[in-house]
Amino acid sequence: MSTYNIHEAKSQLSKLIEAVQRGETVTIANAGKPVAVLGPLRDKGVRRVRGVLKGQIRLGAEFDEPLPDDMLKSFEAPG
């Protein structure tokens, strides 16, 4: 991981972006203190497929019934 001060980072931004594209992480510092990190974006991963669990999840008959009063009170703000 390389560290650059803000002035260097501004003047060498293209170089820093190329380093990030190679997988490197770059730290930007202000007066010697790290303030930002440039790094490669993470892959979003596998795309979700809708309906993959269709027919495998069952809800009880009481699913849409009102909650008991004591449970409802636990959701209320104190005071």
N, C-alpha and C. Protein backbone atom coordinates (compact mmCIF):
# COMPACT_ATOMS: atom_id res chain seq x y z
N MET A 1 0.86 -1.17 0.00
CA MET A 1 0.00 0.00 0.00
C MET A 1 0.90 1.23 0.00
N SER A 2 0.67 2.11 -0.97
CA SER A 2 1.44 3.34 -1.10
C SER A 2 0.69 4.50 -0.45
N THR A 3 1.47 5.49 0.03
CA THR A 3 0.86 6.68 0.63
C THR A 3 1.34 7.91 -0.12
N TYR A 4 0.39 8.79 -0.44
CA TYR A 4 0.68 10.03 -1.15
C TYR A 4 0.02 11.18 -0.41
N ASN A 5 0.71 12.35 -0.40
CA ASN A 5 0.04 13.50 0.19
C ASN A 5 -0.96 14.05 -0.83
N ILE A 6 -1.82 14.93 -0.40
CA ILE A 6 -2.91 15.41 -1.26
C ILE A 6 -2.37 16.05 -2.53
N HIS A 7 -1.33 16.87 -2.42
CA HIS A 7 -0.76 17.52 -3.60
C HIS A 7 -0.26 16.49 -4.61
N GLU A 8 0.48 15.48 -4.13
CA GLU A 8 0.97 14.42 -5.02
C GLU A 8 -0.20 13.67 -5.66
N ALA A 9 -1.21 13.38 -4.87
CA ALA A 9 -2.36 12.64 -5.37
C ALA A 9 -3.06 13.40 -6.48
N LYS A 10 -3.21 14.71 -6.31
CA LYS A 10 -3.86 15.52 -7.34
C LYS A 10 -3.05 15.53 -8.63
N SER A 11 -1.75 15.65 -8.51
CA SER A 11 -0.91 15.75 -9.71
C SER A 11 -0.66 14.39 -10.37
N GLN A 12 -0.90 13.29 -9.63
CA GLN A 12 -0.63 11.96 -10.18
C GLN A 12 -1.87 11.06 -10.16
N LEU A 13 -3.04 11.66 -10.24
CA LEU A 13 -4.28 10.89 -10.12
C LEU A 13 -4.37 9.76 -11.13
N SER A 14 -4.02 10.02 -12.38
CA SER A 14 -4.09 8.98 -13.40
C SER A 14 -3.21 7.79 -13.03
N LYS A 15 -2.01 8.06 -12.54
CA LYS A 15 -1.08 7.01 -12.12
C LYS A 15 -1.68 6.20 -10.95
N LEU A 16 -2.31 6.90 -10.02
CA LEU A 16 -2.91 6.23 -8.86
C LEU A 16 -4.08 5.36 -9.28
N ILE A 17 -4.90 5.85 -10.22
CA ILE A 17 -6.02 5.05 -10.71
C ILE A 17 -5.52 3.79 -11.40
N GLU A 18 -4.44 3.90 -12.17
CA GLU A 18 -3.86 2.72 -12.82
C GLU A 18 -3.40 1.71 -11.77
N ALA A 19 -2.79 2.19 -10.69
CA ALA A 19 -2.35 1.29 -9.62
C ALA A 19 -3.54 0.57 -9.00
N VAL A 20 -4.63 1.31 -8.79
CA VAL A 20 -5.84 0.71 -8.21
C VAL A 20 -6.41 -0.34 -9.16
N GLN A 21 -6.38 -0.06 -10.47
CA GLN A 21 -6.88 -1.03 -11.44
C GLN A 21 -6.05 -2.31 -11.45
N ARG A 22 -4.79 -2.21 -11.03
CA ARG A 22 -3.95 -3.41 -10.90
C ARG A 22 -4.20 -4.15 -9.59
N GLY A 23 -5.10 -3.59 -8.76
CA GLY A 23 -5.44 -4.24 -7.50
C GLY A 23 -4.76 -3.65 -6.28
N GLU A 24 -3.96 -2.62 -6.47
CA GLU A 24 -3.28 -2.00 -5.34
C GLU A 24 -4.22 -1.09 -4.56
N THR A 25 -3.85 -0.80 -3.33
CA THR A 25 -4.59 0.15 -2.50
C THR A 25 -3.68 1.34 -2.25
N VAL A 26 -4.21 2.55 -2.39
CA VAL A 26 -3.43 3.77 -2.24
C VAL A 26 -4.04 4.61 -1.11
N THR A 27 -3.19 5.08 -0.21
CA THR A 27 -3.64 5.94 0.89
C THR A 27 -3.28 7.38 0.57
N ILE A 28 -4.21 8.29 0.83
CA ILE A 28 -3.97 9.72 0.65
C ILE A 28 -3.91 10.35 2.04
N ALA A 29 -2.85 11.14 2.25
CA ALA A 29 -2.63 11.74 3.57
C ALA A 29 -2.65 13.26 3.49
N ASN A 30 -3.05 13.86 4.59
CA ASN A 30 -3.01 15.32 4.74
C ASN A 30 -2.14 15.61 5.95
N ALA A 31 -1.04 16.31 5.72
CA ALA A 31 -0.07 16.61 6.78
C ALA A 31 0.42 15.32 7.46
N GLY A 32 0.61 14.28 6.66
CA GLY A 32 1.12 13.02 7.18
C GLY A 32 0.09 12.10 7.80
N LYS A 33 -1.16 12.55 7.93
CA LYS A 33 -2.20 11.72 8.52
C LYS A 33 -3.09 11.15 7.42
N PRO A 34 -3.28 9.84 7.38
CA PRO A 34 -4.15 9.25 6.36
C PRO A 34 -5.58 9.78 6.48
N VAL A 35 -6.14 10.19 5.33
CA VAL A 35 -7.50 10.72 5.32
C VAL A 35 -8.41 9.98 4.34
N ALA A 36 -7.83 9.24 3.39
CA ALA A 36 -8.65 8.53 2.40
C ALA A 36 -7.87 7.34 1.86
N VAL A 37 -8.63 6.38 1.37
CA VAL A 37 -8.04 5.20 0.76
C VAL A 37 -8.68 4.99 -0.60
N LEU A 38 -7.85 4.81 -1.62
CA LEU A 38 -8.33 4.45 -2.95
C LEU A 38 -8.09 2.96 -3.11
N GLY A 39 -9.12 2.24 -3.50
CA GLY A 39 -8.96 0.81 -3.68
C GLY A 39 -9.92 0.31 -4.73
N PRO A 40 -9.66 -0.89 -5.24
CA PRO A 40 -10.53 -1.45 -6.27
C PRO A 40 -11.92 -1.74 -5.71
N LEU A 41 -12.92 -1.56 -6.55
CA LEU A 41 -14.29 -1.90 -6.15
C LEU A 41 -14.42 -3.40 -6.04
N ARG A 42 -15.20 -3.83 -5.09
CA ARG A 42 -15.44 -5.26 -4.92
C ARG A 42 -16.45 -5.73 -5.94
N ASP A 43 -16.27 -6.95 -6.39
CA ASP A 43 -17.23 -7.54 -7.31
C ASP A 43 -18.56 -7.71 -6.60
N LYS A 44 -19.64 -7.37 -7.26
CA LYS A 44 -20.97 -7.46 -6.65
C LYS A 44 -21.37 -8.91 -6.39
N GLY A 45 -20.65 -9.84 -6.96
CA GLY A 45 -20.95 -11.24 -6.69
C GLY A 45 -21.97 -11.80 -7.66
N VAL A 46 -22.56 -12.87 -7.27
CA VAL A 46 -23.51 -13.58 -8.11
C VAL A 46 -24.84 -12.82 -8.14
N ARG A 47 -25.40 -12.71 -9.32
CA ARG A 47 -26.68 -12.04 -9.45
C ARG A 47 -27.78 -12.93 -8.87
N ARG A 48 -28.68 -12.33 -8.11
CA ARG A 48 -29.76 -13.08 -7.50
C ARG A 48 -30.79 -13.50 -8.53
N VAL A 49 -31.34 -14.67 -8.33
CA VAL A 49 -32.37 -15.19 -9.22
C VAL A 49 -33.69 -15.19 -8.45
N ARG A 50 -34.68 -14.50 -9.00
CA ARG A 50 -35.98 -14.44 -8.34
C ARG A 50 -36.70 -15.77 -8.44
N GLY A 51 -37.41 -16.11 -7.36
CA GLY A 51 -38.26 -17.29 -7.36
C GLY A 51 -37.54 -18.59 -7.12
N VAL A 52 -36.27 -18.55 -6.75
CA VAL A 52 -35.51 -19.77 -6.58
C VAL A 52 -36.05 -20.63 -5.42
N LEU A 53 -36.72 -20.02 -4.45
CA LEU A 53 -37.29 -20.77 -3.31
C LEU A 53 -38.80 -20.96 -3.43
N LYS A 54 -39.35 -20.69 -4.60
CA LYS A 54 -40.80 -20.81 -4.79
C LYS A 54 -41.26 -22.22 -4.43
N GLY A 55 -42.30 -22.26 -3.58
CA GLY A 55 -42.84 -23.56 -3.16
C GLY A 55 -42.12 -24.18 -1.98
N GLN A 56 -41.03 -23.57 -1.52
CA GLN A 56 -40.26 -24.15 -0.42
C GLN A 56 -40.50 -23.44 0.91
N ILE A 57 -41.16 -22.30 0.88
CA ILE A 57 -41.43 -21.54 2.11
C ILE A 57 -42.92 -21.55 2.36
N ARG A 58 -43.30 -21.90 3.57
CA ARG A 58 -44.71 -21.97 3.94
C ARG A 58 -44.96 -21.02 5.12
N LEU A 59 -46.05 -20.27 5.05
CA LEU A 59 -46.44 -19.38 6.14
C LEU A 59 -47.62 -20.01 6.86
N GLY A 60 -47.62 -19.87 8.18
CA GLY A 60 -48.71 -20.41 8.97
C GLY A 60 -50.01 -19.66 8.72
N ALA A 61 -51.13 -20.28 9.04
CA ALA A 61 -52.43 -19.67 8.84
C ALA A 61 -52.60 -18.38 9.66
N GLU A 62 -51.88 -18.28 10.77
CA GLU A 62 -51.98 -17.12 11.65
C GLU A 62 -51.06 -15.97 11.23
N PHE A 63 -50.40 -16.07 10.11
CA PHE A 63 -49.41 -15.07 9.69
C PHE A 63 -49.98 -13.65 9.65
N ASP A 64 -51.17 -13.47 9.12
CA ASP A 64 -51.76 -12.14 8.98
C ASP A 64 -52.61 -11.70 10.17
N GLU A 65 -52.68 -12.51 11.21
CA GLU A 65 -53.49 -12.14 12.38
C GLU A 65 -52.76 -11.06 13.19
N PRO A 66 -53.53 -10.21 13.89
CA PRO A 66 -52.90 -9.17 14.72
C PRO A 66 -52.01 -9.78 15.80
N LEU A 67 -50.97 -9.03 16.16
CA LEU A 67 -50.08 -9.48 17.23
C LEU A 67 -50.76 -9.33 18.59
N PRO A 68 -50.38 -10.15 19.57
CA PRO A 68 -50.91 -9.98 20.92
C PRO A 68 -50.51 -8.61 21.49
N ASP A 69 -51.35 -8.07 22.39
CA ASP A 69 -51.10 -6.74 22.96
C ASP A 69 -49.74 -6.61 23.61
N ASP A 70 -49.28 -7.64 24.35
CA ASP A 70 -47.99 -7.53 25.03
C ASP A 70 -46.84 -7.44 24.02
N MET A 71 -46.98 -8.09 22.88
CA MET A 71 -45.94 -8.01 21.87
C MET A 71 -45.98 -6.64 21.18
N LEU A 72 -47.16 -6.12 20.92
CA LEU A 72 -47.28 -4.79 20.31
C LEU A 72 -46.64 -3.72 21.19
N LYS A 73 -46.84 -3.83 22.51
CA LYS A 73 -46.29 -2.84 23.44
C LYS A 73 -44.76 -2.85 23.42
N SER A 74 -44.15 -3.99 23.13
CA SER A 74 -42.68 -4.06 23.10
C SER A 74 -42.10 -3.28 21.93
N PHE A 75 -42.91 -2.95 20.92
CA PHE A 75 -42.46 -2.16 19.78
C PHE A 75 -42.61 -0.65 20.00
N GLU A 76 -43.35 -0.26 21.00
CA GLU A 76 -43.60 1.15 21.25
C GLU A 76 -42.40 1.81 21.92
N ALA A 77 -42.22 3.09 21.64
CA ALA A 77 -41.14 3.85 22.27
C ALA A 77 -41.47 4.07 23.75
N PRO A 78 -40.45 4.01 24.61
CA PRO A 78 -40.69 4.23 26.04
C PRO A 78 -41.12 5.69 26.29
N GLY A 79 -41.96 5.84 27.28
CA GLY A 79 -42.31 7.19 27.71
C GLY A 79 -43.71 7.47 27.51
